Amino acid sequence: MEGAGLGFFMISACFFVALLEHPSSPVHTAISDPMTRRVLMGIAMGLTAISIIYSPWGKQSGAHINPSVTLTFFRLGKVKAWDAAFYIIAQFAGAAAGVFVAYILIGKLASHPHVNYAATLPGMEGVILAFIAEAVISFVLMTVVLNVSNTPRIARYTGIFAGLLVATYITFEAPISGMSMNPARSLGSSLFANNHAGLWIYFTAPLFGMLLAAEAYVRVKGTAAVSCAKLHHQNDKRCIHCGYPGVVRTENILAINEKVII
């Protein structure tokens, strides 16, 4: 589920980059302003992230689709080592598979220099600023996720908050670092783009920023304030992290006898 989620994200990324940035695309021709195209790209990827988080599989796995997110919840004691290891393996495999599927679907459009398999690369300001930017946006994302997901009144909207941040980051931050926050996502693109410039940034800065956010959160509210590792939790899916059995749907209740639900 984690692999498929990130794979779908990569297919979407490659498709929309080709649609908006390939010189022969009618959308690119019609919209000459790069900022407007980034706004549209942000909306597309923000909605993609939201759809993954609220999909049946996203509700089941928790929709990390990012090794940095998984490792942060592992540090918080909300993901077991065994699960974290296989989540991360699946995320890296899914990212590469997603780019490959995108190449199969859109062909040479994906390899065009203006598309470049949706690769994330440091901007003209250099690698140091790119590292700082990646760390900052990752810190903010994890801070928001922890605060929203652990506030019962708004916890169900965690995915929407995350999607809005993705859209905002692509619009305003992408020219600085390429906007990754995800080592699996960046490696998946770079394997096909054959451009590993600044790849170390995407393996270090997102994890640093998210771990720092987790440290700040637990210092203020304590580790016990973190309920679970899933971005969307109160649903009908069993949780492998905390043992939550899932909400029993009315149509699935065969009999109720005091506290026993069959």
C-alpha atoms as a PDB file:
ATOM      1  CA  MET A   1       0.000   0.000   0.000  1.00  0.00           C
ATOM      2  CA  GLU A   2       2.836   2.402   0.834  1.00  0.00           C
ATOM      3  CA  GLY A   3       4.644   1.492  -2.376  1.00  0.00           C
ATOM      4  CA  ALA A   4       1.513   1.901  -4.468  1.00  0.00           C
ATOM      5  CA  GLY A   5       0.723   5.237  -2.819  1.00  0.00           C
ATOM      6  CA  LEU A   6       4.098   6.766  -3.630  1.00  0.00           C
ATOM      7  CA  GLY A   7       4.060   5.117  -7.050  1.00  0.00           C
ATOM      8  CA  PHE A   8       0.762   6.833  -7.846  1.00  0.00           C
ATOM      9  CA  PHE A   9       2.202  10.121  -6.583  1.00  0.00           C
ATOM     10  CA  MET A  10       5.161   9.789  -8.969  1.00  0.00           C
ATOM     11  CA  ILE A  11       2.947   8.939 -11.932  1.00  0.00           C
ATOM     12  CA  SER A  12       0.877  12.029 -11.181  1.00  0.00           C
ATOM     13  CA  ALA A  13       4.006  14.183 -10.790  1.00  0.00           C
ATOM     14  CA  CYS A  14       5.490  13.078 -14.112  1.00  0.00           C
ATOM     15  CA  PHE A  15       2.187  13.512 -15.931  1.00  0.00           C
ATOM     16  CA  PHE A  16       1.494  17.017 -14.649  1.00  0.00           C
ATOM     17  CA  VAL A  17       5.077  18.209 -15.133  1.00  0.00           C
ATOM     18  CA  ALA A  18       4.849  17.022 -18.752  1.00  0.00           C
ATOM     19  CA  LEU A  19       1.462  18.700 -19.171  1.00  0.00           C
ATOM     20  CA  LEU A  20       2.610  22.014 -17.731  1.00  0.00           C
ATOM     21  CA  GLU A  21       6.286  22.204 -18.697  1.00  0.00           C
ATOM     22  CA  HIS A  22       6.870  20.298 -21.933  1.00  0.00           C
ATOM     23  CA  PRO A  23       7.328  22.896 -24.706  1.00  0.00           C
ATOM     24  CA  SER A  24       4.923  21.125 -27.059  1.00  0.00           C
ATOM     25  CA  SER A  25       2.133  20.913 -24.483  1.00  0.00           C
ATOM     26  CA  PRO A  26      -0.841  23.150 -25.361  1.00  0.00           C
ATOM     27  CA  VAL A  27      -1.185  23.990 -21.661  1.00  0.00           C
ATOM     28  CA  HIS A  28       2.426  25.184 -21.532  1.00  0.00           C
ATOM     29  CA  THR A  29       1.872  27.245 -24.662  1.00  0.00           C
ATOM     30  CA  ALA A  30      -1.320  28.777 -23.307  1.00  0.00           C
ATOM     31  CA  ILE A  31       0.151  29.626 -19.878  1.00  0.00           C
ATOM     32  CA  SER A  32       3.432  31.459 -20.333  1.00  0.00           C
ATOM     33  CA  ASP A  33       3.822  32.609 -16.736  1.00  0.00           C
ATOM     34  CA  PRO A  34       5.971  30.123 -14.721  1.00  0.00           C
ATOM     35  CA  MET A  35       4.360  31.181 -11.446  1.00  0.00           C
ATOM     36  CA  THR A  36       0.880  30.375 -12.747  1.00  0.00           C
ATOM     37  CA  ARG A  37       2.086  26.978 -13.912  1.00  0.00           C
ATOM     38  CA  ARG A  38       3.573  26.307 -10.471  1.00  0.00           C
ATOM     39  CA  VAL A  39       0.253  27.219  -8.861  1.00  0.00           C
ATOM     40  CA  LEU A  40      -1.480  24.681 -11.091  1.00  0.00           C
ATOM     41  CA  MET A  41       1.215  22.093 -10.383  1.00  0.00           C
ATOM     42  CA  GLY A  42       0.809  22.728  -6.676  1.00  0.00           C
ATOM     43  CA  ILE A  43      -2.943  22.260  -6.850  1.00  0.00           C
ATOM     44  CA  ALA A  44      -2.546  19.049  -8.854  1.00  0.00           C
ATOM     45  CA  MET A  45      -0.016  17.498  -6.470  1.00  0.00           C
ATOM     46  CA  GLY A  46      -1.808  18.745  -3.365  1.00  0.00           C
ATOM     47  CA  LEU A  47      -4.983  17.029  -4.557  1.00  0.00           C
ATOM     48  CA  THR A  48      -2.959  13.932  -5.419  1.00  0.00           C
ATOM     49  CA  ALA A  49      -1.573  13.798  -1.880  1.00  0.00           C
ATOM     50  CA  ILE A  50      -5.029  14.281  -0.382  1.00  0.00           C
ATOM     51  CA  SER A  51      -6.524  11.560  -2.568  1.00  0.00           C
ATOM     52  CA  ILE A  52      -3.809   9.104  -1.489  1.00  0.00           C
ATOM     53  CA  ILE A  53      -4.246   9.892   2.210  1.00  0.00           C
ATOM     54  CA  TYR A  54      -8.029   9.455   2.078  1.00  0.00           C
ATOM     55  CA  SER A  55      -7.988   6.450  -0.244  1.00  0.00           C
ATOM     56  CA  PRO A  56      -8.852   3.027   1.260  1.00  0.00           C
ATOM     57  CA  TRP A  57      -5.191   1.996   1.122  1.00  0.00           C
ATOM     58  CA  GLY A  58      -4.031   5.325   2.527  1.00  0.00           C
ATOM     59  CA  LYS A  59      -6.374   4.891   5.465  1.00  0.00           C
ATOM     60  CA  GLN A  60      -5.004   1.388   5.981  1.00  0.00           C
ATOM     61  CA  SER A  61      -1.261   2.103   5.872  1.00  0.00           C
ATOM     62  CA  GLY A  62      -1.406   5.624   7.246  1.00  0.00           C
ATOM     63  CA  ALA A  63      -0.182   7.137   3.958  1.00  0.00           C
ATOM     64  CA  HIS A  64       3.322   8.047   4.999  1.00  0.00           C
ATOM     65  CA  ILE A  65       4.601   7.488   1.424  1.00  0.00           C
ATOM     66  CA  ASN A  66       7.842   9.035   2.674  1.00  0.00           C
ATOM     67  CA  PRO A  67      10.768   7.395   4.533  1.00  0.00           C
ATOM     68  CA  SER A  68      11.342  10.594   6.519  1.00  0.00           C
ATOM     69  CA  VAL A  69       7.787  10.466   7.864  1.00  0.00           C
ATOM     70  CA  THR A  70       8.120   6.786   8.727  1.00  0.00           C
ATOM     71  CA  LEU A  71      11.451   7.278  10.500  1.00  0.00           C
ATOM     72  CA  THR A  72      10.053  10.218  12.447  1.00  0.00           C
ATOM     73  CA  PHE A  73       7.140   8.148  13.753  1.00  0.00           C
ATOM     74  CA  PHE A  74       9.617   5.351  14.485  1.00  0.00           C
ATOM     75  CA  ARG A  75      11.616   7.817  16.619  1.00  0.00           C
ATOM     76  CA  LEU A  76       8.379   8.707  18.381  1.00  0.00           C
ATOM     77  CA  GLY A  77       7.821   5.041  19.186  1.00  0.00           C
ATOM     78  CA  LYS A  78       4.689   4.767  17.050  1.00  0.00           C
ATOM     79  CA  VAL A  79       6.059   2.442  14.357  1.00  0.00           C
ATOM     80  CA  LYS A  80       7.798  -0.854  15.079  1.00  0.00           C
ATOM     81  CA  ALA A  81      11.276  -1.398  13.608  1.00  0.00           C
ATOM     82  CA  TRP A  82      10.051  -4.293  11.464  1.00  0.00           C
ATOM     83  CA  ASP A  83       7.208  -2.234  10.006  1.00  0.00           C
ATOM     84  CA  ALA A  84       9.436   0.805   9.484  1.00  0.00           C
ATOM     85  CA  ALA A  85      11.981  -1.257   7.544  1.00  0.00           C
ATOM     86  CA  PHE A  86       9.397  -2.676   5.157  1.00  0.00           C
ATOM     87  CA  TYR A  87       7.567   0.637   4.800  1.00  0.00           C
ATOM     88  CA  ILE A  88      10.815   2.258   3.683  1.00  0.00           C
ATOM     89  CA  ILE A  89      11.708  -0.563   1.282  1.00  0.00           C
ATOM     90  CA  ALA A  90       8.223  -0.318  -0.243  1.00  0.00           C
ATOM     91  CA  GLN A  91       8.424   3.475  -0.527  1.00  0.00           C
ATOM     92  CA  PHE A  92      11.722   3.412  -2.430  1.00  0.00           C
ATOM     93  CA  ALA A  93      10.524   0.588  -4.676  1.00  0.00           C
ATOM     94  CA  GLY A  94       7.196   2.324  -5.276  1.00  0.00           C
ATOM     95  CA  ALA A  95       8.820   5.613  -6.228  1.00  0.00           C
ATOM     96  CA  ALA A  96      11.049   3.973  -8.841  1.00  0.00           C
ATOM     97  CA  ALA A  97       8.184   1.847 -10.149  1.00  0.00           C
ATOM     98  CA  GLY A  98       5.950   4.909 -10.415  1.00  0.00           C
ATOM     99  CA  VAL A  99       8.474   6.796 -12.561  1.00  0.00           C
ATOM    100  CA  PHE A 100       8.913   3.715 -14.739  1.00  0.00           C
ATOM    101  CA  VAL A 101       5.157   3.392 -15.239  1.00  0.00           C
ATOM    102  CA  ALA A 102       4.976   7.104 -16.081  1.00  0.00           C
ATOM    103  CA  TYR A 103       7.656   6.579 -18.722  1.00  0.00           C
ATOM    104  CA  ILE A 104       5.668   3.673 -20.170  1.00  0.00           C
ATOM    105  CA  LEU A 105       2.516   5.806 -20.264  1.00  0.00           C
ATOM    106  CA  ILE A 106       3.869   9.091 -21.659  1.00  0.00           C
ATOM    107  CA  GLY A 107       7.054   7.877 -23.332  1.00  0.00           C
ATOM    108  CA  LYS A 108       9.730  10.364 -24.336  1.00  0.00           C
ATOM    109  CA  LEU A 109       7.750  13.236 -22.888  1.00  0.00           C
ATOM    110  CA  ALA A 110       8.994  12.105 -19.481  1.00  0.00           C
ATOM    111  CA  SER A 111      12.656  12.277 -20.507  1.00  0.00           C
ATOM    112  CA  HIS A 112      12.519  15.731 -22.086  1.00  0.00           C
ATOM    113  CA  PRO A 113      14.879  18.157 -20.275  1.00  0.00           C
ATOM    114  CA  HIS A 114      11.959  20.356 -19.254  1.00  0.00           C
ATOM    115  CA  VAL A 115      10.217  17.363 -17.651  1.00  0.00           C
ATOM    116  CA  ASN A 116      13.221  15.233 -16.606  1.00  0.00           C
ATOM    117  CA  TYR A 117      11.113  12.592 -14.850  1.00  0.00           C
ATOM    118  CA  ALA A 118       9.901  15.233 -12.354  1.00  0.00           C
ATOM    119  CA  ALA A 119      13.379  15.294 -10.783  1.00  0.00           C
ATOM    120  CA  THR A 120      13.974  17.525  -7.761  1.00  0.00           C
ATOM    121  CA  LEU A 121      17.118  19.646  -8.141  1.00  0.00           C
ATOM    122  CA  PRO A 122      18.595  22.531  -6.116  1.00  0.00           C
ATOM    123  CA  GLY A 123      17.790  25.975  -7.460  1.00  0.00           C
ATOM    124  CA  MET A 124      20.121  28.677  -8.708  1.00  0.00           C
ATOM    125  CA  GLU A 125      20.742  29.895  -5.152  1.00  0.00           C
ATOM    126  CA  GLY A 126      22.812  26.782  -4.444  1.00  0.00           C
ATOM    127  CA  VAL A 127      22.826  23.656  -2.304  1.00  0.00           C
ATOM    128  CA  ILE A 128      23.149  25.340   1.084  1.00  0.00           C
ATOM    129  CA  LEU A 129      19.968  27.363   0.677  1.00  0.00           C
ATOM    130  CA  ALA A 130      18.268  24.308  -0.827  1.00  0.00           C
ATOM    131  CA  PHE A 131      19.192  22.275   2.254  1.00  0.00           C
ATOM    132  CA  ILE A 132      17.865  24.959   4.590  1.00  0.00           C
ATOM    133  CA  ALA A 133      14.652  25.289   2.597  1.00  0.00           C
ATOM    134  CA  GLU A 134      14.049  21.527   2.584  1.00  0.00           C
ATOM    135  CA  ALA A 135      14.670  21.337   6.324  1.00  0.00           C
ATOM    136  CA  VAL A 136      12.313  24.245   7.031  1.00  0.00           C
ATOM    137  CA  ILE A 137       9.395  23.004   4.927  1.00  0.00           C
ATOM    138  CA  SER A 138       9.815  19.503   6.370  1.00  0.00           C
ATOM    139  CA  PHE A 139       9.836  20.917   9.892  1.00  0.00           C
ATOM    140  CA  VAL A 140       6.629  22.851   9.237  1.00  0.00           C
ATOM    141  CA  LEU A 141       4.900  19.871   7.607  1.00  0.00           C
ATOM    142  CA  MET A 142       5.645  17.509  10.479  1.00  0.00           C
ATOM    143  CA  THR A 143       4.736  20.150  13.061  1.00  0.00           C
ATOM    144  CA  VAL A 144       1.356  20.609  11.390  1.00  0.00           C
ATOM    145  CA  VAL A 145       0.785  16.849  11.023  1.00  0.00           C
ATOM    146  CA  LEU A 146       1.561  16.186  14.691  1.00  0.00           C
ATOM    147  CA  ASN A 147      -0.564  19.037  15.981  1.00  0.00           C
ATOM    148  CA  VAL A 148      -3.565  18.409  13.732  1.00  0.00           C
ATOM    149  CA  SER A 149      -3.574  14.595  13.916  1.00  0.00           C
ATOM    150  CA  ASN A 150      -3.418  14.706  17.706  1.00  0.00           C
ATOM    151  CA  THR A 151      -6.221  17.242  18.116  1.00  0.00           C
ATOM    152  CA  PRO A 152      -9.425  15.126  18.123  1.00  0.00           C
ATOM    153  CA  ARG A 153     -11.657  17.937  16.895  1.00  0.00           C
ATOM    154  CA  ILE A 154      -9.730  18.396  13.631  1.00  0.00           C
ATOM    155  CA  ALA A 155      -7.734  15.149  13.326  1.00  0.00           C
ATOM    156  CA  ARG A 156      -9.818  13.974  10.367  1.00  0.00           C
ATOM    157  CA  TYR A 157      -8.542  16.950   8.367  1.00  0.00           C
ATOM    158  CA  THR A 158      -4.848  16.061   8.695  1.00  0.00           C
ATOM    159  CA  GLY A 159      -4.670  14.975   5.066  1.00  0.00           C
ATOM    160  CA  ILE A 160      -6.183  18.235   3.876  1.00  0.00           C
ATOM    161  CA  PHE A 161      -3.676  20.271   5.864  1.00  0.00           C
ATOM    162  CA  ALA A 162      -0.841  18.170   4.415  1.00  0.00           C
ATOM    163  CA  GLY A 163      -2.166  18.572   0.868  1.00  0.00           C
ATOM    164  CA  LEU A 164      -2.490  22.341   1.273  1.00  0.00           C
ATOM    165  CA  LEU A 165       1.123  22.529   2.431  1.00  0.00           C
ATOM    166  CA  VAL A 166       2.282  20.471  -0.559  1.00  0.00           C
ATOM    167  CA  ALA A 167       0.432  22.835  -2.900  1.00  0.00           C
ATOM    168  CA  THR A 168       1.871  25.911  -1.176  1.00  0.00           C
ATOM    169  CA  TYR A 169       5.412  24.562  -1.155  1.00  0.00           C
ATOM    170  CA  ILE A 170       5.357  23.691  -4.868  1.00  0.00           C
ATOM    171  CA  THR A 171       4.064  27.156  -5.670  1.00  0.00           C
ATOM    172  CA  PHE A 172       6.548  29.170  -3.643  1.00  0.00           C
ATOM    173  CA  GLU A 173       9.434  26.944  -2.521  1.00  0.00           C
ATOM    174  CA  ALA A 174      10.062  24.693  -5.542  1.00  0.00           C
ATOM    175  CA  PRO A 175      12.437  27.152  -7.278  1.00  0.00           C
ATOM    176  CA  ILE A 176      14.759  26.967  -4.253  1.00  0.00           C
ATOM    177  CA  SER A 177      15.104  23.203  -3.701  1.00  0.00           C
ATOM    178  CA  GLY A 178      12.766  21.471  -6.130  1.00  0.00           C
ATOM    179  CA  MET A 179      10.383  20.753  -3.221  1.00  0.00           C
ATOM    180  CA  SER A 180      10.912  17.140  -2.271  1.00  0.00           C
ATOM    181  CA  MET A 181      10.754  16.470   1.499  1.00  0.00           C
ATOM    182  CA  ASN A 182      11.076  12.840   0.439  1.00  0.00           C
ATOM    183  CA  PRO A 183      14.281  10.867  -0.267  1.00  0.00           C
ATOM    184  CA  ALA A 184      12.406   8.020  -1.996  1.00  0.00           C
ATOM    185  CA  ARG A 185      10.583  10.454  -4.276  1.00  0.00           C
ATOM    186  CA  SER A 186      13.839  12.207  -5.249  1.00  0.00           C
ATOM    187  CA  LEU A 187      15.807   8.998  -5.779  1.00  0.00           C
ATOM    188  CA  GLY A 188      13.040   7.507  -7.907  1.00  0.00           C
ATOM    189  CA  SER A 189      13.254  10.440 -10.326  1.00  0.00           C
ATOM    190  CA  SER A 190      17.046  10.690 -10.301  1.00  0.00           C
ATOM    191  CA  LEU A 191      17.483   7.022 -11.239  1.00  0.00           C
ATOM    192  CA  PHE A 192      15.812   7.728 -14.579  1.00  0.00           C
ATOM    193  CA  ALA A 193      16.948  11.323 -15.037  1.00  0.00           C
ATOM    194  CA  ASN A 194      20.554  10.227 -14.454  1.00  0.00           C
ATOM    195  CA  ASN A 195      21.122  13.447 -12.554  1.00  0.00           C
ATOM    196  CA  HIS A 196      22.093  13.038  -8.918  1.00  0.00           C
ATOM    197  CA  ALA A 197      22.955  16.685  -8.266  1.00  0.00           C
ATOM    198  CA  GLY A 198      22.198  17.560  -4.663  1.00  0.00           C
ATOM    199  CA  LEU A 199      20.664  14.160  -3.958  1.00  0.00           C
ATOM    200  CA  TRP A 200      22.288  14.181  -0.510  1.00  0.00           C
ATOM    201  CA  ILE A 201      20.070  17.148   0.368  1.00  0.00           C
ATOM    202  CA  TYR A 202      16.891  15.105  -0.028  1.00  0.00           C
ATOM    203  CA  PHE A 203      18.272  12.272   2.096  1.00  0.00           C
ATOM    204  CA  THR A 204      19.303  14.518   4.978  1.00  0.00           C
ATOM    205  CA  ALA A 205      17.343  17.771   5.147  1.00  0.00           C
ATOM    206  CA  PRO A 206      13.785  16.324   5.233  1.00  0.00           C
ATOM    207  CA  LEU A 207      14.685  13.810   7.946  1.00  0.00           C
ATOM    208  CA  PHE A 208      16.521  16.477   9.930  1.00  0.00           C
ATOM    209  CA  GLY A 209      13.576  18.874   9.710  1.00  0.00           C
ATOM    210  CA  MET A 210      10.972  16.270  10.645  1.00  0.00           C
ATOM    211  CA  LEU A 211      12.984  14.836  13.527  1.00  0.00           C
ATOM    212  CA  LEU A 212      13.512  18.361  14.831  1.00  0.00           C
ATOM    213  CA  ALA A 213       9.764  18.984  14.636  1.00  0.00           C
ATOM    214  CA  ALA A 214       9.101  15.753  16.533  1.00  0.00           C
ATOM    215  CA  GLU A 215      11.633  16.708  19.204  1.00  0.00           C
ATOM    216  CA  ALA A 216      10.055  20.128  19.630  1.00  0.00           C
ATOM    217  CA  TYR A 217       6.566  18.607  19.828  1.00  0.00           C
ATOM    218  CA  VAL A 218       7.411  16.021  22.504  1.00  0.00           C
ATOM    219  CA  ARG A 219       9.364  18.545  24.564  1.00  0.00           C
ATOM    220  CA  VAL A 220       6.258  20.710  24.752  1.00  0.00           C
ATOM    221  CA  LYS A 221       3.505  18.079  24.926  1.00  0.00           C
ATOM    222  CA  GLY A 222       5.283  14.820  25.722  1.00  0.00           C
ATOM    223  CA  THR A 223       5.545  11.569  23.770  1.00  0.00           C
ATOM    224  CA  ALA A 224       2.188  10.402  25.139  1.00  0.00           C
ATOM    225  CA  ALA A 225       0.518  13.228  23.208  1.00  0.00           C
ATOM    226  CA  VAL A 226       1.250  11.408  19.945  1.00  0.00           C
ATOM    227  CA  SER A 227      -1.609   8.980  19.468  1.00  0.00           C
ATOM    228  CA  CYS A 228      -0.586   7.044  16.371  1.00  0.00           C
ATOM    229  CA  ALA A 229       1.458   7.090  13.167  1.00  0.00           C
ATOM    230  CA  LYS A 230      -1.453   7.184  10.727  1.00  0.00           C
ATOM    231  CA  LEU A 231      -2.415  10.440   9.032  1.00  0.00           C
ATOM    232  CA  HIS A 232      -6.057   9.363   8.878  1.00  0.00           C
ATOM    233  CA  HIS A 233      -6.891   7.178  11.827  1.00  0.00           C
ATOM    234  CA  GLN A 234     -10.546   7.041  12.897  1.00  0.00           C
ATOM    235  CA  ASN A 235     -11.845   4.984  10.004  1.00  0.00           C
ATOM    236  CA  ASP A 236     -12.960   1.425   9.317  1.00  0.00           C
ATOM    237  CA  LYS A 237      -9.414   0.162   8.732  1.00  0.00           C
ATOM    238  CA  ARG A 238      -7.465  -1.844  11.287  1.00  0.00           C
ATOM    239  CA  CYS A 239      -4.304  -0.109  12.531  1.00  0.00           C
ATOM    240  CA  ILE A 240      -1.126  -2.202  12.649  1.00  0.00           C
ATOM    241  CA  HIS A 241       0.616   0.470  14.708  1.00  0.00           C
ATOM    242  CA  CYS A 242      -1.619   0.898  17.743  1.00  0.00           C
ATOM    243  CA  GLY A 243      -4.049  -2.017  17.444  1.00  0.00           C
ATOM    244  CA  TYR A 244      -7.064   0.185  16.715  1.00  0.00           C
ATOM    245  CA  PRO A 245      -9.676  -2.287  15.412  1.00  0.00           C
ATOM    246  CA  GLY A 246     -11.395   0.099  13.023  1.00  0.00           C
ATOM    247  CA  VAL A 247     -14.880   1.563  13.199  1.00  0.00           C
ATOM    248  CA  VAL A 248     -17.477  -1.149  12.704  1.00  0.00           C
ATOM    249  CA  ARG A 249     -19.919  -0.188   9.972  1.00  0.00           C
ATOM    250  CA  THR A 250     -23.620  -0.582  10.796  1.00  0.00           C
ATOM    251  CA  GLU A 251     -24.228  -2.902   7.858  1.00  0.00           C
ATOM    252  CA  ASN A 252     -21.474  -5.213   9.094  1.00  0.00           C
ATOM    253  CA  ILE A 253     -22.892  -5.669  12.583  1.00  0.00           C
ATOM    254  CA  LEU A 254     -24.537  -9.070  12.788  1.00  0.00           C
ATOM    255  CA  ALA A 255     -25.297  -9.079  16.470  1.00  0.00           C
ATOM    256  CA  ILE A 256     -24.670  -6.963  19.514  1.00  0.00           C
ATOM    257  CA  ASN A 257     -24.668  -8.489  22.956  1.00  0.00           C
ATOM    258  CA  GLU A 258     -23.546  -5.970  25.551  1.00  0.00           C
ATOM    259  CA  LYS A 259     -19.898  -5.241  24.633  1.00  0.00           C
ATOM    260  CA  VAL A 260     -19.492  -8.028  22.091  1.00  0.00           C
ATOM    261  CA  ILE A 261     -19.771  -6.985  18.447  1.00  0.00           C
ATOM    262  CA  ILE A 262     -19.757  -9.793  15.903  1.00  0.00           C
END
